[in-house]
Amino acid sequence: IGSGLAPLLKVSDGEEDSPLGKEILKCR
């Protein structure tokens, strides 16, 4: 991913994974 999409990798408080990480796990 490009640098502008880096916020998709931010893990929110109380979450185990980032928004993009969750979607990729769902894909698998």
PDB file of all heavy atoms in Angstrom:
ATOM      1  N   ILE A   1       0.834  -1.201   0.000  1.00  0.00           N
ATOM      2  CA  ILE A   1       0.000   0.000   0.000  1.00  0.00           C
ATOM      3  C   ILE A   1       0.867   1.248   0.000  1.00  0.00           C
ATOM      4  O   ILE A   1       1.996   1.242   0.491  1.00  0.00           O
ATOM      5  CB  ILE A   1      -0.953   0.033   1.221  1.00  0.00           C
ATOM      6  CG1 ILE A   1      -0.157   0.033   2.519  1.00  0.00           C
ATOM      7  CG2 ILE A   1      -1.918  -1.147   1.175  1.00  0.00           C
ATOM      8  CD1 ILE A   1      -1.014   0.248   3.759  1.00  0.00           C
ATOM      9  N   GLY A   2       0.328   2.324  -0.569  1.00  0.00           N
ATOM     10  CA  GLY A   2       1.004   3.607  -0.537  1.00  0.00           C
ATOM     11  C   GLY A   2       0.880   4.265   0.830  1.00  0.00           C
ATOM     12  O   GLY A   2       0.057   3.870   1.666  1.00  0.00           O
ATOM     13  N   SER A   3       1.667   5.314   1.061  1.00  0.00           N
ATOM     14  CA  SER A   3       1.705   5.950   2.377  1.00  0.00           C
ATOM     15  C   SER A   3       0.362   6.568   2.764  1.00  0.00           C
ATOM     16  O   SER A   3       0.024   6.656   3.947  1.00  0.00           O
ATOM     17  CB  SER A   3       2.791   7.036   2.393  1.00  0.00           C
ATOM     18  OG  SER A   3       2.546   8.005   1.357  1.00  0.00           O
ATOM     19  N   GLY A   4      -0.435   6.989   1.784  1.00  0.00           N
ATOM     20  CA  GLY A   4      -1.732   7.595   2.082  1.00  0.00           C
ATOM     21  C   GLY A   4      -2.730   6.617   2.661  1.00  0.00           C
ATOM     22  O   GLY A   4      -3.712   7.020   3.293  1.00  0.00           O
ATOM     23  N   LEU A   5      -2.495   5.316   2.462  1.00  0.00           N
ATOM     24  CA  LEU A   5      -3.398   4.286   2.984  1.00  0.00           C
ATOM     25  C   LEU A   5      -2.936   3.731   4.327  1.00  0.00           C
ATOM     26  O   LEU A   5      -3.567   2.823   4.877  1.00  0.00           O
ATOM     27  CB  LEU A   5      -3.525   3.139   1.979  1.00  0.00           C
ATOM     28  CG  LEU A   5      -4.195   3.501   0.644  1.00  0.00           C
ATOM     29  CD1 LEU A   5      -4.149   2.326  -0.318  1.00  0.00           C
ATOM     30  CD2 LEU A   5      -5.632   3.928   0.867  1.00  0.00           C
ATOM     31  N   ALA A   6      -1.852   4.306   4.873  1.00  0.00           N
ATOM     32  CA  ALA A   6      -1.322   3.834   6.157  1.00  0.00           C
ATOM     33  C   ALA A   6      -2.353   3.876   7.289  1.00  0.00           C
ATOM     34  O   ALA A   6      -2.327   3.003   8.167  1.00  0.00           O
ATOM     35  CB  ALA A   6      -0.077   4.638   6.538  1.00  0.00           C
ATOM     36  N   PRO A   7      -3.279   4.865   7.324  1.00  0.00           N
ATOM     37  CA  PRO A   7      -4.297   4.847   8.399  1.00  0.00           C
ATOM     38  C   PRO A   7      -5.135   3.570   8.440  1.00  0.00           C
ATOM     39  O   PRO A   7      -5.695   3.237   9.488  1.00  0.00           O
ATOM     40  CB  PRO A   7      -5.164   6.073   8.065  1.00  0.00           C
ATOM     41  CG  PRO A   7      -4.236   7.011   7.370  1.00  0.00           C
ATOM     42  CD  PRO A   7      -3.345   6.116   6.542  1.00  0.00           C
ATOM     43  N   LEU A   8      -5.237   2.847   7.328  1.00  0.00           N
ATOM     44  CA  LEU A   8      -5.992   1.592   7.318  1.00  0.00           C
ATOM     45  C   LEU A   8      -5.316   0.512   8.168  1.00  0.00           C
ATOM     46  O   LEU A   8      -5.917  -0.511   8.473  1.00  0.00           O
ATOM     47  CB  LEU A   8      -6.155   1.067   5.890  1.00  0.00           C
ATOM     48  CG  LEU A   8      -6.935   1.937   4.914  1.00  0.00           C
ATOM     49  CD1 LEU A   8      -7.013   1.257   3.552  1.00  0.00           C
ATOM     50  CD2 LEU A   8      -8.338   2.215   5.437  1.00  0.00           C
ATOM     51  N   LEU A   9      -4.059   0.766   8.554  1.00  0.00           N
ATOM     52  CA  LEU A   9      -3.310  -0.202   9.354  1.00  0.00           C
ATOM     53  C   LEU A   9      -3.287   0.167  10.827  1.00  0.00           C
ATOM     54  O   LEU A   9      -2.673  -0.532  11.641  1.00  0.00           O
ATOM     55  CB  LEU A   9      -1.865  -0.305   8.837  1.00  0.00           C
ATOM     56  CG  LEU A   9      -1.716  -0.708   7.365  1.00  0.00           C
ATOM     57  CD1 LEU A   9      -0.256  -0.698   6.966  1.00  0.00           C
ATOM     58  CD2 LEU A   9      -2.329  -2.070   7.122  1.00  0.00           C
ATOM     59  N   LYS A  10      -3.956   1.248  11.190  1.00  0.00           N
ATOM     60  CA  LYS A  10      -3.968   1.683  12.585  1.00  0.00           C
ATOM     61  C   LYS A  10      -4.938   0.824  13.390  1.00  0.00           C
ATOM     62  O   LYS A  10      -6.093   0.640  13.023  1.00  0.00           O
ATOM     63  CB  LYS A  10      -4.385   3.148  12.668  1.00  0.00           C
ATOM     64  CG  LYS A  10      -4.323   3.719  14.084  1.00  0.00           C
ATOM     65  CD  LYS A  10      -4.686   5.192  14.100  1.00  0.00           C
ATOM     66  CE  LYS A  10      -4.627   5.733  15.529  1.00  0.00           C
ATOM     67  NZ  LYS A  10      -4.990   7.190  15.566  1.00  0.00           N
ATOM     68  N   VAL A  11      -4.450   0.305  14.507  1.00  0.00           N
ATOM     69  CA  VAL A  11      -5.268  -0.541  15.385  1.00  0.00           C
ATOM     70  C   VAL A  11      -5.909   0.334  16.454  1.00  0.00           C
ATOM     71  O   VAL A  11      -5.214   0.988  17.232  1.00  0.00           O
ATOM     72  CB  VAL A  11      -4.425  -1.650  16.038  1.00  0.00           C
ATOM     73  CG1 VAL A  11      -5.292  -2.524  16.941  1.00  0.00           C
ATOM     74  CG2 VAL A  11      -3.738  -2.498  14.973  1.00  0.00           C
ATOM     75  N   SER A  12      -7.232   0.377  16.494  1.00  0.00           N
ATOM     76  CA  SER A  12      -7.948   1.192  17.465  1.00  0.00           C
ATOM     77  C   SER A  12      -7.892   0.547  18.853  1.00  0.00           C
ATOM     78  O   SER A  12      -7.668  -0.661  18.991  1.00  0.00           O
ATOM     79  CB  SER A  12      -9.417   1.355  17.040  1.00  0.00           C
ATOM     80  OG  SER A  12      -9.509   1.940  15.761  1.00  0.00           O
ATOM     81  N   ASP A  13      -8.102   1.352  19.863  1.00  0.00           N
ATOM     82  CA  ASP A  13      -8.114   0.851  21.233  1.00  0.00           C
ATOM     83  C   ASP A  13      -9.204  -0.209  21.392  1.00  0.00           C
ATOM     84  O   ASP A  13     -10.343  -0.025  20.959  1.00  0.00           O
ATOM     85  CB  ASP A  13      -8.377   1.998  22.218  1.00  0.00           C
ATOM     86  CG  ASP A  13      -7.226   3.001  22.252  1.00  0.00           C
ATOM     87  OD1 ASP A  13      -6.114   2.609  21.848  1.00  0.00           O
ATOM     88  OD2 ASP A  13      -7.447   4.163  22.665  1.00  0.00           O
ATOM     89  N   GLY A  14      -8.841  -1.304  22.008  1.00  0.00           N
ATOM     90  CA  GLY A  14      -9.798  -2.387  22.231  1.00  0.00           C
ATOM     91  C   GLY A  14      -9.925  -3.354  21.076  1.00  0.00           C
ATOM     92  O   GLY A  14     -10.634  -4.352  21.180  1.00  0.00           O
ATOM     93  N   GLU A  15      -9.263  -3.055  19.958  1.00  0.00           N
ATOM     94  CA  GLU A  15      -9.305  -3.924  18.782  1.00  0.00           C
ATOM     95  C   GLU A  15      -8.017  -4.743  18.695  1.00  0.00           C
ATOM     96  O   GLU A  15      -6.958  -4.317  19.165  1.00  0.00           O
ATOM     97  CB  GLU A  15      -9.479  -3.111  17.502  1.00  0.00           C
ATOM     98  CG  GLU A  15     -10.769  -2.309  17.442  1.00  0.00           C
ATOM     99  CD  GLU A  15     -11.982  -3.185  17.190  1.00  0.00           C
ATOM    100  OE1 GLU A  15     -11.796  -4.321  16.691  1.00  0.00           O
ATOM    101  OE2 GLU A  15     -13.097  -2.749  17.505  1.00  0.00           O
ATOM    102  N   GLU A  16      -8.102  -5.907  18.084  1.00  0.00           N
ATOM    103  CA  GLU A  16      -6.927  -6.765  17.912  1.00  0.00           C
ATOM    104  C   GLU A  16      -6.257  -6.576  16.564  1.00  0.00           C
ATOM    105  O   GLU A  16      -5.110  -6.994  16.373  1.00  0.00           O
ATOM    106  CB  GLU A  16      -7.314  -8.237  18.079  1.00  0.00           C
ATOM    107  CG  GLU A  16      -7.782  -8.603  19.475  1.00  0.00           C
ATOM    108  CD  GLU A  16      -8.059 -10.087  19.612  1.00  0.00           C
ATOM    109  OE1 GLU A  16      -7.911 -10.808  18.594  1.00  0.00           O
ATOM    110  OE2 GLU A  16      -8.417 -10.526  20.717  1.00  0.00           O
ATOM    111  N   ASP A  17      -6.976  -5.974  15.641  1.00  0.00           N
ATOM    112  CA  ASP A  17      -6.430  -5.837  14.295  1.00  0.00           C
ATOM    113  C   ASP A  17      -6.910  -4.533  13.686  1.00  0.00           C
ATOM    114  O   ASP A  17      -7.872  -3.914  14.142  1.00  0.00           O
ATOM    115  CB  ASP A  17      -6.862  -7.026  13.430  1.00  0.00           C
ATOM    116  CG  ASP A  17      -5.835  -7.377  12.371  1.00  0.00           C
ATOM    117  OD1 ASP A  17      -4.974  -6.523  12.091  1.00  0.00           O
ATOM    118  OD2 ASP A  17      -5.888  -8.489  11.824  1.00  0.00           O
ATOM    119  N   SER A  18      -6.236  -4.123  12.621  1.00  0.00           N
ATOM    120  CA  SER A  18      -6.579  -2.899  11.907  1.00  0.00           C
ATOM    121  C   SER A  18      -7.733  -3.151  10.949  1.00  0.00           C
ATOM    122  O   SER A  18      -8.070  -4.306  10.654  1.00  0.00           O
ATOM    123  CB  SER A  18      -5.357  -2.407  11.129  1.00  0.00           C
ATOM    124  OG  SER A  18      -5.036  -3.332  10.093  1.00  0.00           O
ATOM    125  N   PRO A  19      -8.361  -2.086  10.415  1.00  0.00           N
ATOM    126  CA  PRO A  19      -9.452  -2.288   9.442  1.00  0.00           C
ATOM    127  C   PRO A  19      -9.033  -3.117   8.227  1.00  0.00           C
ATOM    128  O   PRO A  19      -9.753  -4.028   7.816  1.00  0.00           O
ATOM    129  CB  PRO A  19      -9.835  -0.863   9.041  1.00  0.00           C
ATOM    130  CG  PRO A  19      -9.447  -0.026  10.219  1.00  0.00           C
ATOM    131  CD  PRO A  19      -8.210  -0.667  10.780  1.00  0.00           C
ATOM    132  N   LEU A  20      -7.850  -2.827   7.673  1.00  0.00           N
ATOM    133  CA  LEU A  20      -7.396  -3.582   6.511  1.00  0.00           C
ATOM    134  C   LEU A  20      -7.002  -5.002   6.906  1.00  0.00           C
ATOM    135  O   LEU A  20      -7.263  -5.961   6.172  1.00  0.00           O
ATOM    136  CB  LEU A  20      -6.216  -2.876   5.834  1.00  0.00           C
ATOM    137  CG  LEU A  20      -5.686  -3.524   4.548  1.00  0.00           C
ATOM    138  CD1 LEU A  20      -6.794  -3.692   3.524  1.00  0.00           C
ATOM    139  CD2 LEU A  20      -4.535  -2.712   3.971  1.00  0.00           C
ATOM    140  N   GLY A  21      -6.390  -5.165   8.081  1.00  0.00           N
ATOM    141  CA  GLY A  21      -6.027  -6.494   8.554  1.00  0.00           C
ATOM    142  C   GLY A  21      -7.241  -7.391   8.720  1.00  0.00           C
ATOM    143  O   GLY A  21      -7.217  -8.574   8.379  1.00  0.00           O
ATOM    144  N   LYS A  22      -8.338  -6.822   9.239  1.00  0.00           N
ATOM    145  CA  LYS A  22      -9.576  -7.589   9.405  1.00  0.00           C
ATOM    146  C   LYS A  22     -10.131  -8.033   8.061  1.00  0.00           C
ATOM    147  O   LYS A  22     -10.598  -9.171   7.900  1.00  0.00           O
ATOM    148  CB  LYS A  22     -10.624  -6.748  10.133  1.00  0.00           C
ATOM    149  CG  LYS A  22     -10.332  -6.494  11.600  1.00  0.00           C
ATOM    150  CD  LYS A  22     -11.416  -5.605  12.199  1.00  0.00           C
ATOM    151  CE  LYS A  22     -11.132  -5.276  13.657  1.00  0.00           C
ATOM    152  NZ  LYS A  22     -12.158  -4.353  14.213  1.00  0.00           N
ATOM    153  N   GLU A  23     -10.097  -7.138   7.081  1.00  0.00           N
ATOM    154  CA  GLU A  23     -10.645  -7.475   5.773  1.00  0.00           C
ATOM    155  C   GLU A  23      -9.814  -8.555   5.081  1.00  0.00           C
ATOM    156  O   GLU A  23     -10.355  -9.440   4.410  1.00  0.00           O
ATOM    157  CB  GLU A  23     -10.719  -6.223   4.895  1.00  0.00           C
ATOM    158  CG  GLU A  23     -11.734  -5.187   5.357  1.00  0.00           C
ATOM    159  CD  GLU A  23     -13.170  -5.689   5.245  1.00  0.00           C
ATOM    160  OE1 GLU A  23     -13.438  -6.591   4.426  1.00  0.00           O
ATOM    161  OE2 GLU A  23     -14.029  -5.167   5.981  1.00  0.00           O
ATOM    162  N   ILE A  24      -8.504  -8.500   5.239  1.00  0.00           N
ATOM    163  CA  ILE A  24      -7.650  -9.501   4.602  1.00  0.00           C
ATOM    164  C   ILE A  24      -7.831 -10.858   5.282  1.00  0.00           C
ATOM    165  O   ILE A  24      -7.848 -11.907   4.615  1.00  0.00           O
ATOM    166  CB  ILE A  24      -6.181  -9.046   4.625  1.00  0.00           C
ATOM    167  CG1 ILE A  24      -6.013  -7.874   3.641  1.00  0.00           C
ATOM    168  CG2 ILE A  24      -5.234 -10.182   4.274  1.00  0.00           C
ATOM    169  CD1 ILE A  24      -4.632  -7.301   3.569  1.00  0.00           C
ATOM    170  N   LEU A  25      -8.001 -10.854   6.608  1.00  0.00           N
ATOM    171  CA  LEU A  25      -8.298 -12.110   7.301  1.00  0.00           C
ATOM    172  C   LEU A  25      -9.632 -12.680   6.827  1.00  0.00           C
ATOM    173  O   LEU A  25      -9.768 -13.890   6.616  1.00  0.00           O
ATOM    174  CB  LEU A  25      -8.338 -11.862   8.807  1.00  0.00           C
ATOM    175  CG  LEU A  25      -8.666 -13.079   9.690  1.00  0.00           C
ATOM    176  CD1 LEU A  25      -7.643 -14.183   9.475  1.00  0.00           C
ATOM    177  CD2 LEU A  25      -8.746 -12.680  11.158  1.00  0.00           C
ATOM    178  N   LYS A  26     -10.611 -11.798   6.630  1.00  0.00           N
ATOM    179  CA  LYS A  26     -11.908 -12.225   6.113  1.00  0.00           C
ATOM    180  C   LYS A  26     -11.758 -12.830   4.722  1.00  0.00           C
ATOM    181  O   LYS A  26     -12.411 -13.842   4.392  1.00  0.00           O
ATOM    182  CB  LYS A  26     -12.868 -11.038   6.073  1.00  0.00           C
ATOM    183  CG  LYS A  26     -14.280 -11.382   5.645  1.00  0.00           C
ATOM    184  CD  LYS A  26     -15.177 -10.150   5.710  1.00  0.00           C
ATOM    185  CE  LYS A  26     -16.599 -10.486   5.287  1.00  0.00           C
ATOM    186  NZ  LYS A  26     -17.486  -9.282   5.354  1.00  0.00           N
ATOM    187  N   CYS A  27     -10.903 -12.246   3.902  1.00  0.00           N
ATOM    188  CA  CYS A  27     -10.658 -12.764   2.549  1.00  0.00           C
ATOM    189  C   CYS A  27     -10.098 -14.181   2.611  1.00  0.00           C
ATOM    190  O   CYS A  27     -10.546 -15.075   1.885  1.00  0.00           O
ATOM    191  CB  CYS A  27      -9.699 -11.832   1.819  1.00  0.00           C
ATOM    192  SG  CYS A  27      -9.194 -12.421   0.190  1.00  0.00           S
ATOM    193  N   ARG A  28      -9.139 -14.408   3.495  1.00  0.00           N
ATOM    194  CA  ARG A  28      -8.546 -15.745   3.631  1.00  0.00           C
ATOM    195  C   ARG A  28      -9.587 -16.767   4.066  1.00  0.00           C
ATOM    196  O   ARG A  28      -9.620 -17.900   3.570  1.00  0.00           O
ATOM    197  CB  ARG A  28      -7.396 -15.705   4.626  1.00  0.00           C
ATOM    198  CG  ARG A  28      -6.169 -14.935   4.145  1.00  0.00           C
ATOM    199  CD  ARG A  28      -5.158 -14.784   5.259  1.00  0.00           C
ATOM    200  NE  ARG A  28      -4.706 -16.081   5.749  1.00  0.00           N
ATOM    201  CZ  ARG A  28      -4.268 -16.292   6.993  1.00  0.00           C
ATOM    202  NH1 ARG A  28      -4.252 -15.299   7.869  1.00  0.00           N
ATOM    203  NH2 ARG A  28      -3.859 -17.490   7.346  1.00  0.00           N
TER     204      ARG A  28
END
